[in-house]
N, C-alpha and C. Protein backbone atom coordinates (compact mmCIF):
# COMPACT_ATOMS: atom_id res chain seq x y z
N UNK A 1 -40.01 -2.04 66.22
CA UNK A 1 -39.73 -0.90 65.40
C UNK A 1 -38.24 -0.81 65.07
N UNK A 2 -37.41 -1.14 66.04
CA UNK A 2 -35.99 -1.12 65.84
C UNK A 2 -35.59 -2.16 64.80
N UNK A 3 -36.25 -3.31 64.85
CA UNK A 3 -35.94 -4.36 63.88
C UNK A 3 -36.28 -3.91 62.45
N UNK A 4 -37.40 -3.22 62.33
CA UNK A 4 -37.82 -2.73 61.01
C UNK A 4 -36.82 -1.69 60.52
N UNK A 5 -36.43 -0.79 61.40
CA UNK A 5 -35.47 0.25 61.05
C UNK A 5 -34.12 -0.38 60.71
N UNK A 6 -33.67 -1.37 61.42
CA UNK A 6 -32.42 -2.06 61.15
C UNK A 6 -32.50 -2.78 59.80
N UNK A 7 -33.63 -3.38 59.51
CA UNK A 7 -33.82 -4.08 58.25
C UNK A 7 -33.77 -3.09 57.07
N UNK A 8 -34.41 -1.94 57.26
CA UNK A 8 -34.42 -0.92 56.19
C UNK A 8 -33.00 -0.41 55.95
N UNK A 9 -32.29 -0.12 57.03
CA UNK A 9 -30.92 0.40 56.89
C UNK A 9 -30.03 -0.67 56.27
N UNK A 10 -30.19 -1.90 56.72
CA UNK A 10 -29.38 -3.00 56.16
C UNK A 10 -29.69 -3.19 54.67
N UNK A 11 -30.98 -3.13 54.33
CA UNK A 11 -31.38 -3.29 52.93
C UNK A 11 -30.81 -2.16 52.08
N UNK A 12 -30.84 -0.95 52.61
CA UNK A 12 -30.30 0.20 51.88
C UNK A 12 -28.79 0.04 51.69
N UNK A 13 -28.11 -0.42 52.72
CA UNK A 13 -26.67 -0.62 52.63
C UNK A 13 -26.34 -1.70 51.60
N UNK A 14 -27.09 -2.80 51.64
CA UNK A 14 -26.86 -3.89 50.69
C UNK A 14 -27.16 -3.39 49.26
N UNK A 15 -28.22 -2.62 49.10
CA UNK A 15 -28.57 -2.10 47.77
C UNK A 15 -27.46 -1.17 47.26
N UNK A 16 -26.93 -0.34 48.14
CA UNK A 16 -25.83 0.56 47.75
C UNK A 16 -24.60 -0.24 47.35
N UNK A 17 -24.29 -1.28 48.11
CA UNK A 17 -23.13 -2.11 47.80
C UNK A 17 -23.34 -2.82 46.46
N UNK A 18 -24.53 -3.39 46.26
CA UNK A 18 -24.82 -4.09 45.01
C UNK A 18 -24.78 -3.12 43.83
N UNK A 19 -25.37 -1.93 44.03
CA UNK A 19 -25.37 -0.92 42.97
C UNK A 19 -23.94 -0.48 42.63
N UNK A 20 -23.14 -0.27 43.65
CA UNK A 20 -21.75 0.12 43.45
C UNK A 20 -20.99 -0.98 42.72
N UNK A 21 -21.25 -2.22 43.11
CA UNK A 21 -20.61 -3.35 42.44
C UNK A 21 -21.02 -3.43 40.97
N UNK A 22 -22.30 -3.19 40.71
CA UNK A 22 -22.79 -3.23 39.32
C UNK A 22 -22.15 -2.12 38.50
N UNK A 23 -22.03 -0.93 39.06
CA UNK A 23 -21.40 0.19 38.36
C UNK A 23 -19.93 -0.14 38.09
N UNK A 24 -19.26 -0.68 39.10
CA UNK A 24 -17.85 -1.04 38.94
C UNK A 24 -17.71 -2.13 37.87
N UNK A 25 -18.60 -3.12 37.91
CA UNK A 25 -18.54 -4.20 36.93
C UNK A 25 -18.75 -3.65 35.51
N UNK A 26 -19.74 -2.77 35.35
CA UNK A 26 -19.99 -2.19 34.03
C UNK A 26 -18.80 -1.33 33.57
N UNK A 27 -18.23 -0.59 34.51
CA UNK A 27 -17.06 0.21 34.17
C UNK A 27 -15.90 -0.67 33.73
N UNK A 28 -15.70 -1.78 34.44
CA UNK A 28 -14.63 -2.71 34.08
C UNK A 28 -14.89 -3.33 32.71
N UNK A 29 -16.15 -3.71 32.47
CA UNK A 29 -16.51 -4.29 31.17
C UNK A 29 -16.28 -3.28 30.05
N UNK A 30 -16.66 -2.02 30.29
CA UNK A 30 -16.43 -0.98 29.28
C UNK A 30 -14.95 -0.79 29.01
N UNK A 31 -14.17 -0.80 30.09
CA UNK A 31 -12.73 -0.62 29.93
C UNK A 31 -12.13 -1.78 29.13
N UNK A 32 -12.52 -3.00 29.46
CA UNK A 32 -12.03 -4.17 28.72
C UNK A 32 -12.45 -4.09 27.26
N UNK A 33 -13.68 -3.66 27.02
CA UNK A 33 -14.15 -3.52 25.64
C UNK A 33 -13.34 -2.47 24.89
N UNK A 34 -13.06 -1.35 25.53
CA UNK A 34 -12.25 -0.30 24.89
C UNK A 34 -10.84 -0.80 24.59
N UNK A 35 -10.26 -1.54 25.54
CA UNK A 35 -8.92 -2.08 25.34
C UNK A 35 -8.92 -3.07 24.18
N UNK A 36 -9.93 -3.94 24.12
CA UNK A 36 -10.03 -4.90 23.01
C UNK A 36 -10.17 -4.15 21.69
N UNK A 37 -11.02 -3.14 21.66
CA UNK A 37 -11.22 -2.36 20.44
C UNK A 37 -9.93 -1.66 20.03
N UNK A 38 -9.23 -1.09 21.00
CA UNK A 38 -7.96 -0.42 20.71
C UNK A 38 -6.95 -1.41 20.14
N UNK A 39 -6.86 -2.58 20.71
CA UNK A 39 -5.93 -3.60 20.21
C UNK A 39 -6.31 -4.04 18.80
N UNK A 40 -7.61 -4.19 18.56
CA UNK A 40 -8.05 -4.56 17.21
C UNK A 40 -7.67 -3.48 16.21
N UNK A 41 -7.85 -2.21 16.59
CA UNK A 41 -7.50 -1.10 15.71
C UNK A 41 -5.99 -1.08 15.45
N UNK A 42 -5.19 -1.29 16.49
CA UNK A 42 -3.74 -1.32 16.33
C UNK A 42 -3.32 -2.46 15.41
N UNK A 43 -3.92 -3.64 15.62
CA UNK A 43 -3.60 -4.79 14.77
C UNK A 43 -3.98 -4.51 13.32
N UNK A 44 -5.13 -3.87 13.15
CA UNK A 44 -5.58 -3.53 11.80
C UNK A 44 -4.62 -2.53 11.14
N UNK A 45 -4.17 -1.56 11.91
CA UNK A 45 -3.21 -0.59 11.38
C UNK A 45 -1.90 -1.26 10.99
N UNK A 46 -1.45 -2.21 11.80
CA UNK A 46 -0.23 -2.95 11.49
C UNK A 46 -0.43 -3.73 10.19
N UNK A 47 -1.59 -4.37 10.05
CA UNK A 47 -1.88 -5.12 8.83
C UNK A 47 -1.90 -4.19 7.62
N UNK A 48 -2.50 -3.01 7.78
CA UNK A 48 -2.54 -2.05 6.67
C UNK A 48 -1.14 -1.57 6.30
N UNK A 49 -0.31 -1.30 7.31
CA UNK A 49 1.07 -0.88 7.02
C UNK A 49 1.84 -1.98 6.30
N UNK A 50 1.64 -3.23 6.74
CA UNK A 50 2.31 -4.36 6.07
C UNK A 50 1.84 -4.48 4.63
N UNK A 51 0.53 -4.35 4.43
CA UNK A 51 0.00 -4.42 3.07
C UNK A 51 0.55 -3.28 2.22
N UNK A 52 0.66 -2.08 2.80
CA UNK A 52 1.23 -0.94 2.07
C UNK A 52 2.68 -1.22 1.68
N UNK A 53 3.46 -1.74 2.63
CA UNK A 53 4.87 -2.05 2.34
C UNK A 53 4.99 -3.08 1.22
N UNK A 54 4.16 -4.12 1.30
CA UNK A 54 4.20 -5.16 0.25
C UNK A 54 3.81 -4.57 -1.09
N UNK A 55 2.77 -3.73 -1.09
CA UNK A 55 2.32 -3.12 -2.33
C UNK A 55 3.40 -2.20 -2.91
N UNK A 56 4.02 -1.41 -2.05
CA UNK A 56 5.10 -0.52 -2.52
C UNK A 56 6.26 -1.34 -3.08
N UNK A 57 6.59 -2.46 -2.43
CA UNK A 57 7.67 -3.32 -2.93
C UNK A 57 7.29 -3.90 -4.29
N UNK A 58 6.04 -4.30 -4.44
CA UNK A 58 5.60 -4.82 -5.73
C UNK A 58 5.67 -3.74 -6.80
N UNK A 59 5.28 -2.53 -6.45
CA UNK A 59 5.35 -1.43 -7.41
C UNK A 59 6.79 -1.13 -7.80
N UNK A 60 7.70 -1.16 -6.82
CA UNK A 60 9.12 -0.95 -7.13
C UNK A 60 9.63 -2.05 -8.06
N UNK A 61 9.21 -3.29 -7.81
CA UNK A 61 9.62 -4.39 -8.68
C UNK A 61 9.11 -4.19 -10.10
N UNK A 62 7.84 -3.78 -10.21
CA UNK A 62 7.27 -3.53 -11.54
C UNK A 62 8.02 -2.40 -12.22
N UNK A 63 8.34 -1.33 -11.46
CA UNK A 63 9.10 -0.22 -12.03
C UNK A 63 10.46 -0.69 -12.54
N UNK A 64 11.14 -1.52 -11.74
CA UNK A 64 12.44 -2.05 -12.16
C UNK A 64 12.32 -2.87 -13.44
N UNK A 65 11.31 -3.73 -13.48
CA UNK A 65 11.11 -4.55 -14.66
C UNK A 65 10.82 -3.69 -15.89
N UNK A 66 10.03 -2.64 -15.69
CA UNK A 66 9.74 -1.74 -16.81
C UNK A 66 11.00 -1.01 -17.26
N UNK A 67 11.81 -0.58 -16.30
CA UNK A 67 13.07 0.09 -16.65
C UNK A 67 13.97 -0.84 -17.44
N UNK A 68 14.07 -2.09 -17.01
CA UNK A 68 14.90 -3.07 -17.71
C UNK A 68 14.35 -3.29 -19.11
N UNK A 69 13.05 -3.42 -19.24
CA UNK A 69 12.44 -3.64 -20.55
C UNK A 69 12.67 -2.44 -21.46
N UNK A 70 12.53 -1.23 -20.90
CA UNK A 70 12.77 -0.04 -21.71
C UNK A 70 14.23 0.07 -22.14
N UNK A 71 15.16 -0.25 -21.24
CA UNK A 71 16.58 -0.23 -21.61
C UNK A 71 16.87 -1.24 -22.72
N UNK A 72 16.26 -2.40 -22.61
CA UNK A 72 16.45 -3.42 -23.63
C UNK A 72 15.89 -2.95 -24.97
N UNK A 73 14.73 -2.33 -24.95
CA UNK A 73 14.16 -1.79 -26.19
C UNK A 73 15.06 -0.70 -26.77
N UNK A 74 15.59 0.16 -25.88
CA UNK A 74 16.51 1.21 -26.35
C UNK A 74 17.74 0.58 -27.00
N UNK A 75 18.29 -0.45 -26.37
CA UNK A 75 19.46 -1.13 -26.92
C UNK A 75 19.15 -1.73 -28.29
N UNK A 76 17.99 -2.38 -28.37
CA UNK A 76 17.60 -2.97 -29.65
C UNK A 76 17.45 -1.89 -30.72
N UNK A 77 16.83 -0.79 -30.33
CA UNK A 77 16.65 0.31 -31.27
C UNK A 77 18.00 0.89 -31.71
N UNK A 78 18.90 1.06 -30.74
CA UNK A 78 20.24 1.58 -31.05
C UNK A 78 20.99 0.60 -31.96
N UNK A 79 20.86 -0.69 -31.68
CA UNK A 79 21.52 -1.70 -32.52
C UNK A 79 20.99 -1.65 -33.95
N UNK A 80 19.68 -1.51 -34.09
CA UNK A 80 19.10 -1.42 -35.43
C UNK A 80 19.59 -0.16 -36.13
N UNK A 81 19.66 0.94 -35.38
CA UNK A 81 20.12 2.20 -35.97
C UNK A 81 21.59 2.08 -36.36
N UNK A 82 22.39 1.43 -35.53
CA UNK A 82 23.81 1.26 -35.83
C UNK A 82 23.99 0.36 -37.04
N UNK A 83 23.21 -0.70 -37.09
CA UNK A 83 23.33 -1.63 -38.22
C UNK A 83 22.93 -0.92 -39.51
N UNK A 84 21.84 -0.18 -39.47
CA UNK A 84 21.40 0.47 -40.70
C UNK A 84 22.34 1.60 -41.09
N UNK A 85 22.91 2.34 -40.15
CA UNK A 85 23.86 3.38 -40.50
C UNK A 85 25.20 2.76 -40.90
N UNK A 86 25.52 1.65 -40.33
CA UNK A 86 26.76 0.95 -40.68
C UNK A 86 26.69 0.41 -42.09
N UNK A 87 25.54 -0.06 -42.52
CA UNK A 87 25.44 -0.58 -43.88
C UNK A 87 25.55 0.55 -44.88
N UNK A 88 25.10 1.72 -44.49
CA UNK A 88 25.26 2.87 -45.38
C UNK A 88 26.71 3.29 -45.47
N UNK A 89 27.43 3.23 -44.37
CA UNK A 89 28.81 3.70 -44.38
C UNK A 89 29.73 2.73 -45.12
N UNK A 90 29.38 1.47 -45.17
CA UNK A 90 30.23 0.51 -45.88
C UNK A 90 29.94 0.51 -47.38
N UNK A 91 28.84 1.09 -47.77
CA UNK A 91 28.55 1.16 -49.21
C UNK A 91 29.51 2.15 -49.85
N UNK A 92 29.88 1.87 -51.09
CA UNK A 92 30.81 2.75 -51.79
C UNK A 92 30.13 4.05 -52.14
N UNK A 93 30.82 5.13 -51.92
CA UNK A 93 30.21 6.38 -52.32
C UNK A 93 30.17 6.43 -53.84
N UNK A 94 29.14 7.04 -54.31
CA UNK A 94 29.02 7.10 -55.79
C UNK A 94 30.02 8.14 -56.32
N UNK A 95 30.78 7.76 -57.29
CA UNK A 95 31.77 8.67 -57.90
C UNK A 95 31.27 9.01 -59.30
N UNK A 96 31.50 10.23 -59.67
CA UNK A 96 31.05 10.58 -61.00
C UNK A 96 31.89 9.85 -62.04
N UNK A 97 31.30 9.54 -63.19
CA UNK A 97 32.05 8.83 -64.21
C UNK A 97 33.20 9.72 -64.73
N UNK A 98 34.29 9.13 -65.17
CA UNK A 98 35.43 9.92 -65.65
C UNK A 98 35.04 10.70 -66.89
N UNK A 99 35.62 11.86 -67.02
CA UNK A 99 35.32 12.73 -68.16
C UNK A 99 36.25 12.39 -69.33
N UNK A 100 35.68 12.42 -70.46
CA UNK A 100 36.50 12.25 -71.65
C UNK A 100 36.92 13.62 -72.12
N UNK A 101 38.11 13.93 -72.01
CA UNK A 101 38.53 15.24 -72.49
C UNK A 101 39.47 15.14 -73.64
């Protein structure tokens, strides 16, 4: 009877130890999974920030190019206006014909 009781107690102790080990193992696996997921999220956020920075830099470059193109168009327009007003100013003003008195 003592042997049976010892076997039952030993089996219960072993089962508790195995169960505790399984819970600890699952907890460790969950923790590792959470850490991996967190690292993946952080890496993804870094990639998104880098993509945002690159996109903003590209937009700034496009804005600069547009500003340069607009300034050039303004200059061309001003040059055309100056040339056309200059040709008017170099033309002789019309004078009335002399009067015969």
